[in-house]
C-alpha atoms as a PDB file:
ATOM      1  CA  MET A   1      16.071 -11.138   7.388  1.00  0.00           C
ATOM      2  CA  PRO A   2      15.069  -8.334   9.773  1.00  0.00           C
ATOM      3  CA  ILE A   3      14.203  -4.813   8.676  1.00  0.00           C
ATOM      4  CA  HIS A   4      17.237  -2.634   9.363  1.00  0.00           C
ATOM      5  CA  ASP A   5      17.344   0.731  11.076  1.00  0.00           C
ATOM      6  CA  TRP A   6      18.024   2.994   8.117  1.00  0.00           C
ATOM      7  CA  THR A   7      18.242   6.062  10.334  1.00  0.00           C
ATOM      8  CA  LYS A   8      21.723   4.803  11.296  1.00  0.00           C
ATOM      9  CA  VAL A   9      23.220   5.594   7.889  1.00  0.00           C
ATOM     10  CA  ARG A  10      23.265   8.636   5.637  1.00  0.00           C
ATOM     11  CA  ALA A  11      20.398   9.329   3.255  1.00  0.00           C
ATOM     12  CA  GLY A  12      22.730   8.640   0.329  1.00  0.00           C
ATOM     13  CA  THR A  13      23.327   5.096   1.561  1.00  0.00           C
ATOM     14  CA  PHE A  14      19.617   4.402   1.691  1.00  0.00           C
ATOM     15  CA  HIS A  15      19.256   5.982  -1.751  1.00  0.00           C
ATOM     16  CA  HIS A  16      21.720   3.431  -3.126  1.00  0.00           C
ATOM     17  CA  PHE A  17      19.771   0.595  -1.485  1.00  0.00           C
ATOM     18  CA  HIS A  18      16.501   2.182  -2.621  1.00  0.00           C
ATOM     19  CA  LEU A  19      17.565   2.112  -6.284  1.00  0.00           C
ATOM     20  CA  THR A  20      18.660  -1.520  -6.047  1.00  0.00           C
ATOM     21  CA  TRP A  21      15.426  -2.517  -4.308  1.00  0.00           C
ATOM     22  CA  ILE A  22      13.374  -0.826  -7.036  1.00  0.00           C
ATOM     23  CA  SER A  23      15.259  -2.869  -9.628  1.00  0.00           C
ATOM     24  CA  ARG A  24      14.642  -6.133  -7.739  1.00  0.00           C
ATOM     25  CA  ILE A  25      10.928  -5.364  -7.351  1.00  0.00           C
ATOM     26  CA  CYS A  26      10.608  -4.665 -11.074  1.00  0.00           C
ATOM     27  CA  ALA A  27      12.472  -7.864 -11.896  1.00  0.00           C
ATOM     28  CA  ILE A  28      10.241 -10.102  -9.808  1.00  0.00           C
ATOM     29  CA  LEU A  29       7.075  -8.439 -11.123  1.00  0.00           C
ATOM     30  CA  ASN A  30       8.198  -8.964 -14.708  1.00  0.00           C
ATOM     31  CA  ASP A  31       9.389 -12.520 -14.080  1.00  0.00           C
ATOM     32  CA  GLY A  32       5.897 -14.008 -13.937  1.00  0.00           C
ATOM     33  CA  LEU A  33       4.380 -12.393 -10.844  1.00  0.00           C
ATOM     34  CA  LEU A  34       2.295 -10.002 -12.952  1.00  0.00           C
ATOM     35  CA  PRO A  35      -0.406 -11.613 -15.111  1.00  0.00           C
ATOM     36  CA  GLU A  36      -0.001 -11.720 -18.871  1.00  0.00           C
ATOM     37  CA  GLY A  37      -0.551  -8.301 -20.414  1.00  0.00           C
ATOM     38  CA  TYR A  38       0.952  -6.377 -17.468  1.00  0.00           C
ATOM     39  CA  TYR A  39       4.517  -5.189 -16.982  1.00  0.00           C
ATOM     40  CA  ALA A  40       6.488  -3.016 -14.553  1.00  0.00           C
ATOM     41  CA  LEU A  41       8.827  -0.094 -15.243  1.00  0.00           C
ATOM     42  CA  ALA A  42      10.972   1.962 -12.874  1.00  0.00           C
ATOM     43  CA  GLU A  43      10.772   5.750 -12.424  1.00  0.00           C
ATOM     44  CA  GLN A  44       8.649   6.722 -15.404  1.00  0.00           C
ATOM     45  CA  ARG A  45       6.971  10.081 -16.010  1.00  0.00           C
ATOM     46  CA  THR A  46       3.219   9.836 -15.435  1.00  0.00           C
ATOM     47  CA  GLY A  47       1.903  13.413 -15.247  1.00  0.00           C
ATOM     48  CA  VAL A  48       2.592  13.488 -11.477  1.00  0.00           C
ATOM     49  CA  PRO A  49       6.067  13.457  -9.857  1.00  0.00           C
ATOM     50  CA  GLU A  50       7.811  10.225 -10.809  1.00  0.00           C
ATOM     51  CA  PRO A  51       6.918   7.094  -8.818  1.00  0.00           C
ATOM     52  CA  ASP A  52       9.487   4.401  -8.058  1.00  0.00           C
ATOM     53  CA  VAL A  53       7.712   1.577  -9.907  1.00  0.00           C
ATOM     54  CA  LEU A  54       4.807   1.548 -12.361  1.00  0.00           C
ATOM     55  CA  ALA A  55       2.674  -1.482 -13.169  1.00  0.00           C
ATOM     56  CA  LEU A  56       1.280  -1.008 -16.658  1.00  0.00           C
ATOM     57  CA  GLN A  57      -1.330  -2.846 -18.684  1.00  0.00           C
ATOM     58  CA  LEU A  58      -0.859  -3.267 -22.410  1.00  0.00           C
ATOM     59  CA  GLU A  59      -3.465  -1.328 -24.365  1.00  0.00           C
ATOM     60  CA  SER A  60      -4.548  -4.392 -26.297  1.00  0.00           C
ATOM     61  CA  THR A  61      -5.214  -6.470 -23.189  1.00  0.00           C
ATOM     62  CA  SER A  62      -8.380  -6.300 -21.102  1.00  0.00           C
ATOM     63  CA  GLY A  63      -7.995  -6.217 -17.343  1.00  0.00           C
ATOM     64  CA  GLU A  64     -10.778  -8.799 -17.087  1.00  0.00           C
ATOM     65  CA  SER A  65      -9.285 -11.215 -19.624  1.00  0.00           C
ATOM     66  CA  SER A  66      -9.467 -14.941 -19.162  1.00  0.00           C
ATOM     67  CA  GLY A  67      -6.596 -16.816 -17.549  1.00  0.00           C
ATOM     68  CA  ASN A  68      -4.435 -15.603 -14.704  1.00  0.00           C
ATOM     69  CA  SER A  69      -5.489 -12.103 -13.671  1.00  0.00           C
ATOM     70  CA  GLY A  70      -4.062 -12.105 -10.149  1.00  0.00           C
ATOM     71  CA  ILE A  71      -5.475 -13.083  -6.768  1.00  0.00           C
ATOM     72  CA  ALA A  72      -9.198 -12.459  -6.338  1.00  0.00           C
ATOM     73  CA  VAL A  73      -9.948 -10.186  -3.382  1.00  0.00           C
ATOM     74  CA  ALA A  74     -13.297 -11.898  -2.829  1.00  0.00           C
ATOM     75  CA  ASP A  75     -11.616 -15.300  -2.443  1.00  0.00           C
ATOM     76  CA  HIS A  76      -8.444 -14.228  -0.609  1.00  0.00           C
ATOM     77  CA  PRO A  77      -8.755 -10.835   1.134  1.00  0.00           C
ATOM     78  CA  PRO A  78      -5.311  -9.364   1.948  1.00  0.00           C
ATOM     79  CA  GLN A  79      -4.208 -10.226   5.477  1.00  0.00           C
ATOM     80  CA  VAL A  80      -3.128  -6.978   7.132  1.00  0.00           C
ATOM     81  CA  ALA A  81      -3.589  -5.378  10.532  1.00  0.00           C
ATOM     82  CA  PHE A  82      -5.889  -2.497   9.456  1.00  0.00           C
ATOM     83  CA  THR A  83      -8.388  -2.029   6.634  1.00  0.00           C
ATOM     84  CA  THR A  84     -10.505   1.049   5.960  1.00  0.00           C
ATOM     85  CA  THR A  85     -12.698   2.130   3.043  1.00  0.00           C
ATOM     86  CA  LYS A  86     -13.924   5.508   1.811  1.00  0.00           C
ATOM     87  CA  GLU A  87     -16.023   6.547  -1.181  1.00  0.00           C
ATOM     88  CA  ILE A  88     -13.988   8.942  -3.325  1.00  0.00           C
ATOM     89  CA  ASP A  89     -15.362  11.778  -5.425  1.00  0.00           C
ATOM     90  CA  HIS A  90     -12.918  11.466  -8.330  1.00  0.00           C
ATOM     91  CA  TYR A  91     -14.391  14.512 -10.057  1.00  0.00           C
ATOM     92  CA  ALA A  92     -13.872  16.951  -7.178  1.00  0.00           C
ATOM     93  CA  ARG A  93     -10.312  17.960  -8.199  1.00  0.00           C
ATOM     94  CA  ARG A  94     -10.400  17.284 -11.945  1.00  0.00           C
ATOM     95  CA  ALA A  95     -11.639  20.686 -13.099  1.00  0.00           C
ATOM     96  CA  ASN A  96      -8.097  22.076 -13.117  1.00  0.00           C
ATOM     97  CA  ARG A  97      -6.185  18.903 -14.002  1.00  0.00           C
ATOM     98  CA  ILE A  98      -4.722  17.602 -17.235  1.00  0.00           C
ATOM     99  CA  VAL A  99      -4.268  13.830 -17.149  1.00  0.00           C
ATOM    100  CA  ILE A 100      -1.313  12.453 -19.108  1.00  0.00           C
ATOM    101  CA  TYR A 101      -1.325   8.763 -19.999  1.00  0.00           C
ATOM    102  CA  HIS A 102       1.797   6.690 -20.492  1.00  0.00           C
ATOM    103  CA  ARG A 103       2.441   6.116 -24.188  1.00  0.00           C
ATOM    104  CA  ASP A 104       3.093   2.373 -23.692  1.00  0.00           C
ATOM    105  CA  GLY A 105      -0.128   1.491 -21.912  1.00  0.00           C
ATOM    106  CA  ASP A 106      -2.579   2.267 -19.152  1.00  0.00           C
ATOM    107  CA  ILE A 107      -1.138   2.827 -15.675  1.00  0.00           C
ATOM    108  CA  VAL A 108      -2.887   0.552 -13.194  1.00  0.00           C
ATOM    109  CA  ALA A 109      -0.635   0.689 -10.128  1.00  0.00           C
ATOM    110  CA  LEU A 110       2.312   2.549  -8.629  1.00  0.00           C
ATOM    111  CA  ILE A 111       4.819   1.714  -5.901  1.00  0.00           C
ATOM    112  CA  GLU A 112       6.520   4.344  -3.739  1.00  0.00           C
ATOM    113  CA  ILE A 113       9.428   3.654  -1.356  1.00  0.00           C
ATOM    114  CA  VAL A 114       9.667   6.534   1.114  1.00  0.00           C
ATOM    115  CA  SER A 115      13.069   8.237   1.397  1.00  0.00           C
ATOM    116  CA  PRO A 116      14.355  10.464   4.222  1.00  0.00           C
ATOM    117  CA  GLY A 117      14.042  13.489   1.933  1.00  0.00           C
ATOM    118  CA  ASN A 118      10.285  12.948   1.668  1.00  0.00           C
ATOM    119  CA  LYS A 119      10.011  13.880   5.375  1.00  0.00           C
ATOM    120  CA  SER A 120      12.855  16.368   5.642  1.00  0.00           C
ATOM    121  CA  SER A 121      10.719  19.524   5.817  1.00  0.00           C
ATOM    122  CA  ARG A 122       7.118  20.716   5.894  1.00  0.00           C
ATOM    123  CA  ASN A 123       7.298  21.540   2.196  1.00  0.00           C
ATOM    124  CA  ALA A 124       8.816  18.158   1.323  1.00  0.00           C
ATOM    125  CA  ILE A 125       6.232  16.086   3.139  1.00  0.00           C
ATOM    126  CA  ARG A 126       3.381  18.319   1.965  1.00  0.00           C
ATOM    127  CA  SER A 127       4.470  17.803  -1.647  1.00  0.00           C
ATOM    128  CA  PHE A 128       4.887  14.063  -1.129  1.00  0.00           C
ATOM    129  CA  ILE A 129       1.469  13.625   0.514  1.00  0.00           C
ATOM    130  CA  GLU A 130      -0.181  15.625  -2.267  1.00  0.00           C
ATOM    131  CA  LYS A 131       1.565  13.388  -4.813  1.00  0.00           C
ATOM    132  CA  LEU A 132       0.296  10.191  -3.165  1.00  0.00           C
ATOM    133  CA  THR A 133      -3.218  11.531  -2.693  1.00  0.00           C
ATOM    134  CA  ASP A 134      -3.333  12.684  -6.307  1.00  0.00           C
ATOM    135  CA  ILE A 135      -2.418   9.184  -7.496  1.00  0.00           C
ATOM    136  CA  ILE A 136      -5.286   7.683  -5.478  1.00  0.00           C
ATOM    137  CA  GLU A 137      -7.756  10.329  -6.629  1.00  0.00           C
ATOM    138  CA  GLN A 138      -6.812   9.603 -10.251  1.00  0.00           C
ATOM    139  CA  GLY A 139      -8.062   6.064  -9.611  1.00  0.00           C
ATOM    140  CA  LYS A 140      -4.615   4.463  -9.648  1.00  0.00           C
ATOM    141  CA  ASN A 141      -3.746   1.703  -7.194  1.00  0.00           C
ATOM    142  CA  LEU A 142      -0.809   2.486  -4.908  1.00  0.00           C
ATOM    143  CA  LEU A 143       1.588   0.654  -2.602  1.00  0.00           C
ATOM    144  CA  VAL A 144       3.634   2.772  -0.152  1.00  0.00           C
ATOM    145  CA  ILE A 145       6.641   1.311   1.685  1.00  0.00           C
ATOM    146  CA  ASP A 146       7.915   3.448   4.560  1.00  0.00           C
ATOM    147  CA  LEU A 147      10.855   2.027   6.530  1.00  0.00           C
ATOM    148  CA  PHE A 148      11.437   5.280   8.427  1.00  0.00           C
ATOM    149  CA  PRO A 149       9.791   6.098  11.757  1.00  0.00           C
ATOM    150  CA  PRO A 150       7.221   8.906  12.002  1.00  0.00           C
ATOM    151  CA  SER A 151       8.504  12.439  12.187  1.00  0.00           C
ATOM    152  CA  SER A 152       6.918  15.506  13.753  1.00  0.00           C
ATOM    153  CA  ARG A 153       5.337  16.063  10.323  1.00  0.00           C
ATOM    154  CA  ASP A 154       3.710  12.595  10.165  1.00  0.00           C
ATOM    155  CA  PRO A 155       3.376  11.628  13.854  1.00  0.00           C
ATOM    156  CA  GLN A 156       1.265   8.541  13.107  1.00  0.00           C
ATOM    157  CA  GLY A 157       3.079   7.572   9.951  1.00  0.00           C
ATOM    158  CA  ILE A 158       2.670   8.146   6.267  1.00  0.00           C
ATOM    159  CA  HIS A 159      -0.671   6.358   5.950  1.00  0.00           C
ATOM    160  CA  LYS A 160      -2.390   8.608   8.488  1.00  0.00           C
ATOM    161  CA  ALA A 161      -1.041  11.676   6.679  1.00  0.00           C
ATOM    162  CA  VAL A 162      -2.347  10.397   3.333  1.00  0.00           C
ATOM    163  CA  TRP A 163      -5.708   9.199   4.642  1.00  0.00           C
ATOM    164  CA  ASP A 164      -6.376  12.492   6.424  1.00  0.00           C
ATOM    165  CA  GLU A 165      -6.496  14.054   2.941  1.00  0.00           C
ATOM    166  CA  ILE A 166      -9.291  11.611   2.062  1.00  0.00           C
ATOM    167  CA  GLU A 167     -11.153  11.039   5.327  1.00  0.00           C
ATOM    168  CA  VAL A 168     -10.083  12.141   8.806  1.00  0.00           C
ATOM    169  CA  GLU A 169     -10.565   9.196  11.126  1.00  0.00           C
ATOM    170  CA  PRO A 170      -8.763   7.800  14.171  1.00  0.00           C
ATOM    171  CA  PHE A 171      -5.601   5.823  13.464  1.00  0.00           C
ATOM    172  CA  GLU A 172      -2.585   5.153  15.660  1.00  0.00           C
ATOM    173  CA  LEU A 173       0.467   3.077  14.948  1.00  0.00           C
ATOM    174  CA  PRO A 174       1.183   0.466  17.636  1.00  0.00           C
ATOM    175  CA  PRO A 175       3.915   1.722  19.991  1.00  0.00           C
ATOM    176  CA  ASN A 176       6.196  -1.192  19.039  1.00  0.00           C
ATOM    177  CA  LYS A 177       5.550  -1.021  15.271  1.00  0.00           C
ATOM    178  CA  ARG A 178       6.349   2.439  13.926  1.00  0.00           C
ATOM    179  CA  LEU A 179       7.074   1.694  10.268  1.00  0.00           C
ATOM    180  CA  THR A 180       4.284   1.511   7.694  1.00  0.00           C
ATOM    181  CA  LEU A 181       3.286  -0.544   4.687  1.00  0.00           C
ATOM    182  CA  ALA A 182       0.073   0.638   3.021  1.00  0.00           C
ATOM    183  CA  SER A 183      -1.665  -0.615  -0.106  1.00  0.00           C
ATOM    184  CA  TYR A 184      -4.507   1.408  -1.606  1.00  0.00           C
ATOM    185  CA  ARG A 185      -7.119  -0.183  -3.856  1.00  0.00           C
ATOM    186  CA  ALA A 186      -8.485   2.775  -5.791  1.00  0.00           C
ATOM    187  CA  GLY A 187     -11.938   3.138  -7.278  1.00  0.00           C
ATOM    188  CA  GLU A 188     -15.319   4.624  -6.426  1.00  0.00           C
ATOM    189  CA  GLN A 189     -14.632   3.076  -3.024  1.00  0.00           C
ATOM    190  CA  THR A 190     -10.969   3.345  -2.083  1.00  0.00           C
ATOM    191  CA  THR A 191      -9.762   0.795   0.449  1.00  0.00           C
ATOM    192  CA  ALA A 192      -6.526   1.062   2.441  1.00  0.00           C
ATOM    193  CA  TYR A 193      -4.778  -2.099   3.642  1.00  0.00           C
ATOM    194  CA  VAL A 194      -2.254  -1.095   6.287  1.00  0.00           C
ATOM    195  CA  GLN A 195       0.386  -3.227   7.977  1.00  0.00           C
ATOM    196  CA  PRO A 196       2.592  -1.651  10.678  1.00  0.00           C
ATOM    197  CA  VAL A 197       6.044  -3.236  11.002  1.00  0.00           C
ATOM    198  CA  ALA A 198       9.156  -2.710  13.100  1.00  0.00           C
ATOM    199  CA  VAL A 199      12.931  -2.737  12.849  1.00  0.00           C
ATOM    200  CA  GLY A 200      14.101  -6.287  13.523  1.00  0.00           C
ATOM    201  CA  GLU A 201      11.067  -7.929  11.878  1.00  0.00           C
ATOM    202  CA  PRO A 202      10.935  -9.580   8.454  1.00  0.00           C
ATOM    203  CA  LEU A 203       8.883  -7.805   5.836  1.00  0.00           C
ATOM    204  CA  PRO A 204       5.490  -9.363   5.042  1.00  0.00           C
ATOM    205  CA  ASP A 205       4.118  -9.759   1.550  1.00  0.00           C
ATOM    206  CA  MET A 206       1.811  -6.883   0.559  1.00  0.00           C
ATOM    207  CA  PRO A 207      -0.994  -6.694  -2.007  1.00  0.00           C
ATOM    208  CA  LEU A 208      -0.406  -4.684  -5.161  1.00  0.00           C
ATOM    209  CA  PHE A 209      -3.812  -4.129  -6.753  1.00  0.00           C
ATOM    210  CA  LEU A 210      -4.264  -4.351 -10.513  1.00  0.00           C
ATOM    211  CA  ASN A 211      -7.976  -3.542 -10.499  1.00  0.00           C
ATOM    212  CA  SER A 212     -10.873  -3.499  -8.028  1.00  0.00           C
ATOM    213  CA  GLU A 213     -11.065  -7.281  -7.893  1.00  0.00           C
ATOM    214  CA  HIS A 214      -7.526  -8.631  -8.297  1.00  0.00           C
ATOM    215  CA  TYR A 215      -4.063  -8.126  -6.843  1.00  0.00           C
ATOM    216  CA  VAL A 216      -0.661  -9.775  -6.756  1.00  0.00           C
ATOM    217  CA  SER A 217       1.107 -10.516  -3.507  1.00  0.00           C
ATOM    218  CA  LEU A 218       4.431  -8.682  -3.656  1.00  0.00           C
ATOM    219  CA  PRO A 219       7.250 -10.523  -1.818  1.00  0.00           C
ATOM    220  CA  LEU A 220       8.868  -7.577  -0.070  1.00  0.00           C
ATOM    221  CA  GLU A 221      11.124  -9.773   2.057  1.00  0.00           C
ATOM    222  CA  LYS A 222      12.621 -11.621  -0.908  1.00  0.00           C
ATOM    223  CA  THR A 223      13.256  -8.455  -2.897  1.00  0.00           C
ATOM    224  CA  TYR A 224      14.659  -6.700   0.192  1.00  0.00           C
ATOM    225  CA  GLN A 225      17.101  -9.576   0.738  1.00  0.00           C
ATOM    226  CA  ASN A 226      18.213  -9.481  -2.883  1.00  0.00           C
ATOM    227  CA  ALA A 227      18.853  -5.733  -2.686  1.00  0.00           C
ATOM    228  CA  TRP A 228      20.570  -6.107   0.700  1.00  0.00           C
ATOM    229  CA  ALA A 229      23.063  -8.597  -0.750  1.00  0.00           C
ATOM    230  CA  GLU A 230      24.301  -5.868  -3.131  1.00  0.00           C
ATOM    231  CA  LEU A 231      24.828  -3.210  -0.448  1.00  0.00           C
ATOM    232  CA  PRO A 232      28.556  -2.613   0.237  1.00  0.00           C
ATOM    233  CA  LEU A 233      29.796  -4.773   3.102  1.00  0.00           C
ATOM    234  CA  PRO A 234      30.817  -1.891   5.450  1.00  0.00           C
ATOM    235  CA  TYR A 235      27.247  -0.588   5.437  1.00  0.00           C
ATOM    236  CA  ARG A 236      25.778  -4.046   5.952  1.00  0.00           C
ATOM    237  CA  ARG A 237      28.029  -4.522   8.979  1.00  0.00           C
ATOM    238  CA  LYS A 238      27.064  -1.131  10.391  1.00  0.00           C
ATOM    239  CA  LEU A 239      23.338  -1.793  10.036  1.00  0.00           C
ATOM    240  CA  GLU A 240      23.586  -5.330  11.376  1.00  0.00           C
ATOM    241  CA  SER A 241      25.476  -4.123  14.442  1.00  0.00           C
ATOM    242  CA  ALA A 242      22.776  -1.509  15.067  1.00  0.00           C
ATOM    243  CA  ILE A 243      20.153  -4.289  15.319  1.00  0.00           C
ATOM    244  CA  ASP A 244      22.361  -6.347  17.671  1.00  0.00           C
ATOM    245  CA  GLN A 245      22.784  -3.443  20.105  1.00  0.00           C
END
């Protein structure tokens, strides 16, 4: 199924789809995709503005336990268009920060699906970028899904805006792929795995990191299709006709 042009409908319509997609992502993570000892929750309070999906590790379970712990990066590096790494000073911004841990377990990863409101003003995007950067600097792994084209406030997409807070370096989205998927493996060395995509293309799987050595491959296309099937028919017809034009 192709990615649809969500600029063709109101923000409220995407919000409805957004909520359904979050639910489908959580369901597939909790239905055996996450290794034993990990689980996913939607929209939980973490000490930073609420993410869409949290992947949590039970306190009694070690991230390096025997058995299935995810895909090993060393054996199967994620296949994306762009990869970049930067050493992070995780202590630089901690002097004035209180870290709040989730009562049910340790937070190991977060997923954010970008909404139109995140780019609606300078203040909105500034707050959103600070939120994403703060997650990375706390040492939490992060997957960002942005199905909206760049605005004047993020002219090369959401990844460039986030990475400029960490390390300013050249990055340009391909002219024919203006949407962004970006997975960040946090740690002393933070690595960004970036895959540009376009309206009309299927969504690729993306890595969701659980620790510095292991990830799960999140089936974005499958979960997108499942959420799409629950969107009211008039909106599906409108978005499908926009692709056909």
